[in-house]
């Protein structure tokens, strides 16, 4: 952590100058050193985070414009700030992994998602699914457990975890346990209640009500997704025709 090392170096320098050069008492010198450490650390952190946020904001605009490769290059370039600040590399890797995953480049997404920030539940969900597709259920569950530990208020995360267990691993019993735990964090959540009811009655979970946030995980086949999109398009066309009449 360069910012910590820089702050510590400045603090030690001030301490030694005051203690040896100005013959100040050790405790006043120490206090002055601590003030310098804090000030340098805060200033350095703000400078680094400002640069990181600027890079991510620019990458976000490129992603919205479907310029995936340009966005990813920009985020990879921002990784040079990683050694300066705690969790910066993990946060940037989360974004890179998500960008690759959304464009279905799963092989390139995986190594970045492995370094994802644990508080980024979307990246953690994508990592868990990547483990699932690699037949590593134990790692999938560990990843989901870590994600819900830090992001327990995310309804889609609990439902996604249960979906992977019930629909992908054929473990409805464990999926129901996950949803019951989710209800403790999110009492009266309609999505959790509905899907728990479906599982208890031997039916499949419903995830499409989450919309685009659900589709970004690519757990539905392209054929199913296309059918859904065509059905939605047909519904909109029918609605327009009805309005015109």
Protein backbone atom coordinates (compact mmCIF):
# COMPACT_ATOMS: atom_id res chain seq x y z
CA UNK A 1 0.00 0.00 0.00
CA UNK A 2 1.95 2.96 -1.32
CA UNK A 3 -0.30 5.52 0.38
CA UNK A 4 0.38 3.96 3.79
CA UNK A 5 4.12 3.75 3.13
CA UNK A 6 4.22 7.36 1.93
CA UNK A 7 2.25 8.53 4.97
CA UNK A 8 4.44 6.53 7.34
CA UNK A 9 7.63 7.90 5.76
CA UNK A 10 6.38 11.48 6.12
CA UNK A 11 5.33 10.84 9.73
CA UNK A 12 8.70 9.31 10.67
CA UNK A 13 10.56 12.17 9.01
CA UNK A 14 8.57 14.76 10.97
CA UNK A 15 8.98 12.80 14.21
CA UNK A 16 12.77 12.59 13.80
CA UNK A 17 13.14 16.25 12.84
CA UNK A 18 11.13 17.42 15.85
CA UNK A 19 12.69 14.93 18.24
CA UNK A 20 16.34 15.25 17.20
CA UNK A 21 16.48 18.61 15.44
CA UNK A 22 14.23 20.70 17.68
CA UNK A 23 14.69 18.61 20.85
CA UNK A 24 10.91 18.39 21.25
CA UNK A 25 9.55 15.86 23.73
CA UNK A 26 8.91 12.40 22.32
CA UNK A 27 5.16 12.48 22.92
CA UNK A 28 4.70 15.87 21.18
CA UNK A 29 6.86 14.64 18.32
CA UNK A 30 4.79 11.45 18.14
CA UNK A 31 1.52 13.38 18.11
CA UNK A 32 2.80 15.63 15.33
CA UNK A 33 3.91 12.55 13.39
CA UNK A 34 0.45 11.00 13.75
CA UNK A 35 -1.19 14.19 12.50
CA UNK A 36 1.12 14.24 9.47
CA UNK A 37 0.45 10.53 8.81
CA UNK A 38 -3.31 11.10 8.83
CA UNK A 39 -3.15 14.22 6.67
CA UNK A 40 -0.88 12.67 4.03
CA UNK A 41 -2.94 9.47 3.96
CA UNK A 42 -6.24 11.32 3.50
CA UNK A 43 -4.85 13.58 0.77
CA UNK A 44 -3.21 10.69 -1.10
CA UNK A 45 -6.37 8.56 -0.81
CA UNK A 46 -8.55 11.35 -2.18
CA UNK A 47 -6.21 11.94 -5.13
CA UNK A 48 -6.10 8.23 -6.01
CA UNK A 49 -9.84 7.68 -5.62
CA UNK A 50 -10.57 10.75 -7.76
CA UNK A 51 -8.44 9.29 -10.55
CA UNK A 52 -10.05 5.85 -10.17
CA UNK A 53 -13.60 7.22 -10.20
CA UNK A 54 -12.83 9.32 -13.27
CA UNK A 55 -11.53 6.22 -15.09
CA UNK A 56 -14.57 4.13 -14.07
CA UNK A 57 -16.98 6.90 -15.05
CA UNK A 58 -15.41 7.12 -18.51
CA UNK A 59 -15.53 3.33 -18.82
CA UNK A 60 -19.19 3.40 -17.81
CA UNK A 61 -19.99 5.77 -20.68
CA UNK A 62 -18.13 3.48 -23.10
CA UNK A 63 -20.08 0.48 -21.82
CA UNK A 64 -23.38 2.29 -22.32
CA UNK A 65 -22.32 2.99 -25.90
CA UNK A 66 -21.44 -0.72 -26.37
CA UNK A 67 -17.73 0.09 -26.68
CA UNK A 68 -16.74 -2.86 -24.54
CA UNK A 69 -13.12 -3.19 -25.61
CA UNK A 70 -12.39 0.50 -25.07
CA UNK A 71 -14.08 0.41 -21.66
CA UNK A 72 -12.09 -2.65 -20.60
CA UNK A 73 -8.80 -1.10 -21.78
CA UNK A 74 -9.55 1.99 -19.72
CA UNK A 75 -10.32 -0.03 -16.60
CA UNK A 76 -7.22 -2.20 -17.02
CA UNK A 77 -5.15 0.96 -17.31
CA UNK A 78 -6.68 2.14 -14.01
CA UNK A 79 -5.33 -0.98 -12.28
CA UNK A 80 -2.03 0.88 -11.93
CA UNK A 81 -3.62 2.74 -9.02
CA UNK A 82 -4.28 -0.53 -7.20
CA UNK A 83 -1.08 -0.62 -5.13
CA UNK A 84 -1.85 2.84 -3.77
CA UNK A 85 -5.14 2.16 -2.02
CA UNK A 86 -6.82 -0.73 -0.21
CA UNK A 87 -9.46 -2.57 -2.27
CA UNK A 88 -8.91 -0.44 -5.38
CA UNK A 89 -7.65 -3.39 -7.44
CA UNK A 90 -10.56 -5.54 -6.27
CA UNK A 91 -13.11 -2.89 -7.20
CA UNK A 92 -11.63 -2.36 -10.65
CA UNK A 93 -11.31 -6.10 -11.27
CA UNK A 94 -14.99 -6.43 -10.32
CA UNK A 95 -15.94 -3.99 -13.06
CA UNK A 96 -13.66 -5.61 -15.65
CA UNK A 97 -14.96 -9.08 -14.83
CA UNK A 98 -18.57 -7.90 -15.05
CA UNK A 99 -17.96 -6.26 -18.43
CA UNK A 100 -16.45 -9.45 -19.85
CA UNK A 101 -19.22 -11.57 -18.32
CA UNK A 102 -22.04 -9.41 -19.70
CA UNK A 103 -20.59 -9.77 -23.22
CA UNK A 104 -20.40 -13.54 -22.62
CA UNK A 105 -16.60 -13.67 -22.66
CA UNK A 106 -16.63 -15.97 -19.65
CA UNK A 107 -13.04 -17.20 -19.96
CA UNK A 108 -11.64 -13.67 -19.68
CA UNK A 109 -14.18 -12.70 -17.04
CA UNK A 110 -13.26 -15.48 -14.63
CA UNK A 111 -9.74 -14.39 -13.51
CA UNK A 112 -10.98 -10.85 -12.85
CA UNK A 113 -14.08 -12.04 -10.99
CA UNK A 114 -11.84 -14.19 -8.79
CA UNK A 115 -10.29 -10.93 -7.58
CA UNK A 116 -13.65 -9.17 -7.20
CA UNK A 117 -14.54 -6.93 -4.26
CA UNK A 118 -16.64 -8.93 -1.78
CA UNK A 119 -19.13 -6.06 -1.38
CA UNK A 120 -19.89 -6.02 -5.10
CA UNK A 121 -22.69 -8.60 -5.00
CA UNK A 122 -23.23 -8.64 -8.77
CA UNK A 123 -19.59 -9.56 -9.42
CA UNK A 124 -19.71 -12.12 -6.60
CA UNK A 125 -22.86 -13.63 -8.10
CA UNK A 126 -21.18 -13.90 -11.48
CA UNK A 127 -18.16 -15.53 -9.85
CA UNK A 128 -20.39 -18.06 -8.06
CA UNK A 129 -22.09 -18.95 -11.35
CA UNK A 130 -18.67 -19.28 -13.01
CA UNK A 131 -17.73 -21.84 -10.35
CA UNK A 132 -21.04 -23.60 -10.92
CA UNK A 133 -20.35 -23.90 -14.65
CA UNK A 134 -16.94 -25.33 -13.80
CA UNK A 135 -18.58 -28.05 -11.69
CA UNK A 136 -17.26 -26.57 -8.44
CA UNK A 137 -20.39 -26.44 -6.32
CA UNK A 138 -18.48 -26.10 -3.05
CA UNK A 139 -16.76 -22.91 -4.27
CA UNK A 140 -20.05 -21.65 -5.67
CA UNK A 141 -21.69 -21.97 -2.26
CA UNK A 142 -18.74 -20.41 -0.44
CA UNK A 143 -18.85 -17.45 -2.82
CA UNK A 144 -22.59 -16.98 -2.39
CA UNK A 145 -22.24 -17.26 1.39
CA UNK A 146 -19.62 -14.53 1.41
CA UNK A 147 -21.80 -12.39 -0.84
CA UNK A 148 -24.94 -12.67 1.30
CA UNK A 149 -22.88 -12.06 4.44
CA UNK A 150 -21.95 -8.59 3.18
CA UNK A 151 -24.98 -7.88 0.97
CA UNK A 152 -27.87 -9.37 2.91
CA UNK A 153 -30.38 -6.74 1.79
CA UNK A 154 -30.23 -7.67 -1.89
CA UNK A 155 -33.34 -9.63 -2.87
CA UNK A 156 -31.99 -10.77 -6.23
CA UNK A 157 -28.85 -12.15 -4.60
CA UNK A 158 -30.82 -14.45 -2.28
CA UNK A 159 -33.05 -15.56 -5.14
CA UNK A 160 -30.06 -16.08 -7.42
CA UNK A 161 -28.37 -18.25 -4.79
CA UNK A 162 -31.53 -20.32 -4.35
CA UNK A 163 -32.03 -20.58 -8.11
CA UNK A 164 -28.56 -22.01 -8.63
CA UNK A 165 -29.23 -24.61 -5.94
CA UNK A 166 -32.75 -25.54 -7.01
CA UNK A 167 -32.66 -25.25 -10.77
CA UNK A 168 -29.00 -25.92 -11.54
CA UNK A 169 -28.02 -28.33 -8.73
CA UNK A 170 -31.45 -29.97 -8.16
CA UNK A 171 -31.22 -29.22 -4.45
CA UNK A 172 -34.60 -27.67 -3.68
CA UNK A 173 -34.29 -28.40 0.05
CA UNK A 174 -31.15 -26.28 0.42
CA UNK A 175 -32.62 -23.62 -1.85
CA UNK A 176 -35.63 -23.29 0.47
CA UNK A 177 -33.29 -22.92 3.43
CA UNK A 178 -31.50 -20.09 1.62
CA UNK A 179 -34.77 -18.29 0.89
CA UNK A 180 -35.90 -18.68 4.50
CA UNK A 181 -32.64 -17.07 5.60
CA UNK A 182 -33.26 -14.33 3.06
CA UNK A 183 -36.67 -13.64 4.57
CA UNK A 184 -35.02 -13.00 7.93
CA UNK A 185 -32.98 -10.24 6.30
CA UNK A 186 -35.80 -9.02 4.06
CA UNK A 187 -39.13 -9.71 5.79
CA UNK A 188 -42.15 -9.61 3.45
CA UNK A 189 -39.98 -9.44 0.32
CA UNK A 190 -42.40 -10.43 -2.49
CA UNK A 191 -39.80 -12.14 -4.69
CA UNK A 192 -38.49 -14.35 -1.89
CA UNK A 193 -41.99 -15.19 -0.67
CA UNK A 194 -43.18 -16.08 -4.18
CA UNK A 195 -40.20 -18.27 -5.01
CA UNK A 196 -40.27 -20.00 -1.63
CA UNK A 197 -43.94 -20.79 -2.25
CA UNK A 198 -43.08 -22.15 -5.70
CA UNK A 199 -40.40 -24.46 -4.33
CA UNK A 200 -42.59 -25.67 -1.47
CA UNK A 201 -45.23 -26.61 -4.01
CA UNK A 202 -42.82 -28.35 -6.37
CA UNK A 203 -42.79 -25.62 -9.01
CA UNK A 204 -39.94 -23.80 -10.71
CA UNK A 205 -38.69 -20.47 -9.44
CA UNK A 206 -39.67 -17.30 -11.30
CA UNK A 207 -36.87 -14.84 -11.92
CA UNK A 208 -37.97 -12.79 -14.94
CA UNK A 209 -39.78 -10.25 -12.76
CA UNK A 210 -36.32 -8.93 -11.82
CA UNK A 211 -35.87 -7.81 -15.44
CA UNK A 212 -32.46 -6.87 -16.85
CA UNK A 213 -30.59 -7.38 -13.54
CA UNK A 214 -31.58 -11.05 -13.79
CA UNK A 215 -30.73 -11.48 -17.47
CA UNK A 216 -27.19 -10.15 -16.96
CA UNK A 217 -26.29 -13.40 -15.18
CA UNK A 218 -26.94 -15.42 -18.38
CA UNK A 219 -28.56 -18.36 -16.63
CA UNK A 220 -31.31 -18.61 -19.22
CA UNK A 221 -30.46 -20.03 -22.61
CA UNK A 222 -30.29 -17.71 -25.59
CA UNK A 223 -33.35 -19.45 -27.02
CA UNK A 224 -35.40 -18.76 -23.89
CA UNK A 225 -34.21 -15.18 -23.77
CA UNK A 226 -35.10 -14.62 -27.42
CA UNK A 227 -38.56 -16.09 -26.87
CA UNK A 228 -39.08 -13.76 -23.93
CA UNK A 229 -37.90 -10.75 -25.93
CA UNK A 230 -40.16 -11.67 -28.86
CA UNK A 231 -43.13 -12.15 -26.55
CA UNK A 232 -42.48 -8.78 -24.91
CA UNK A 233 -42.13 -7.14 -28.33
CA UNK A 234 -45.38 -8.73 -29.49
CA UNK A 235 -47.15 -7.46 -26.38
CA UNK A 236 -45.94 -3.92 -26.99
CA UNK A 237 -47.00 -4.05 -30.64
CA UNK A 238 -50.45 -5.35 -29.68
CA UNK A 239 -50.78 -2.57 -27.12
CA UNK A 240 -49.91 0.08 -29.71
CA UNK A 241 -52.46 -1.34 -32.15
CA UNK A 242 -55.14 -1.32 -29.43
CA UNK A 243 -54.37 2.28 -28.57
CA UNK A 244 -54.55 3.32 -32.24
CA UNK A 245 -57.98 1.73 -32.63
